[in-house]
Amino acid sequence: RRREVLGPLSDRLHDQMKLGRLVVADPIEASEVFWNLCSASIYRRMLMTTAPTYNKREIRRIVSRAVAIFLAAFGAPEGAGKSTPK
């Protein structure tokens, strides 16, 4: 079930690993981490209110924060994955 839900994201992360942009041991686990980063504040708000709503600005902020945290944890060191001309 986990693969069904996280598969497309996991595939994308795996592609980024092959390009040297991410340092990830398990793409499924990394996709789960990213999913949790994106959904944690949304889930918390759902617990506190009956029907939380989000505008585009809030969604962008949540996802941008998740991307920044994810890349801080799994991003390849600066310059890694870039090919050098021969």
Foldseek 3Di string as FASTA:
>chain_A
DLCVVQVVQLVVVVVCVVLFFWADPGSSVLSVQLVCQLCVVVVVVVVVDVDDDDDPVRSCVSNVVSVVVSCVVITGPPPTSDDDDD
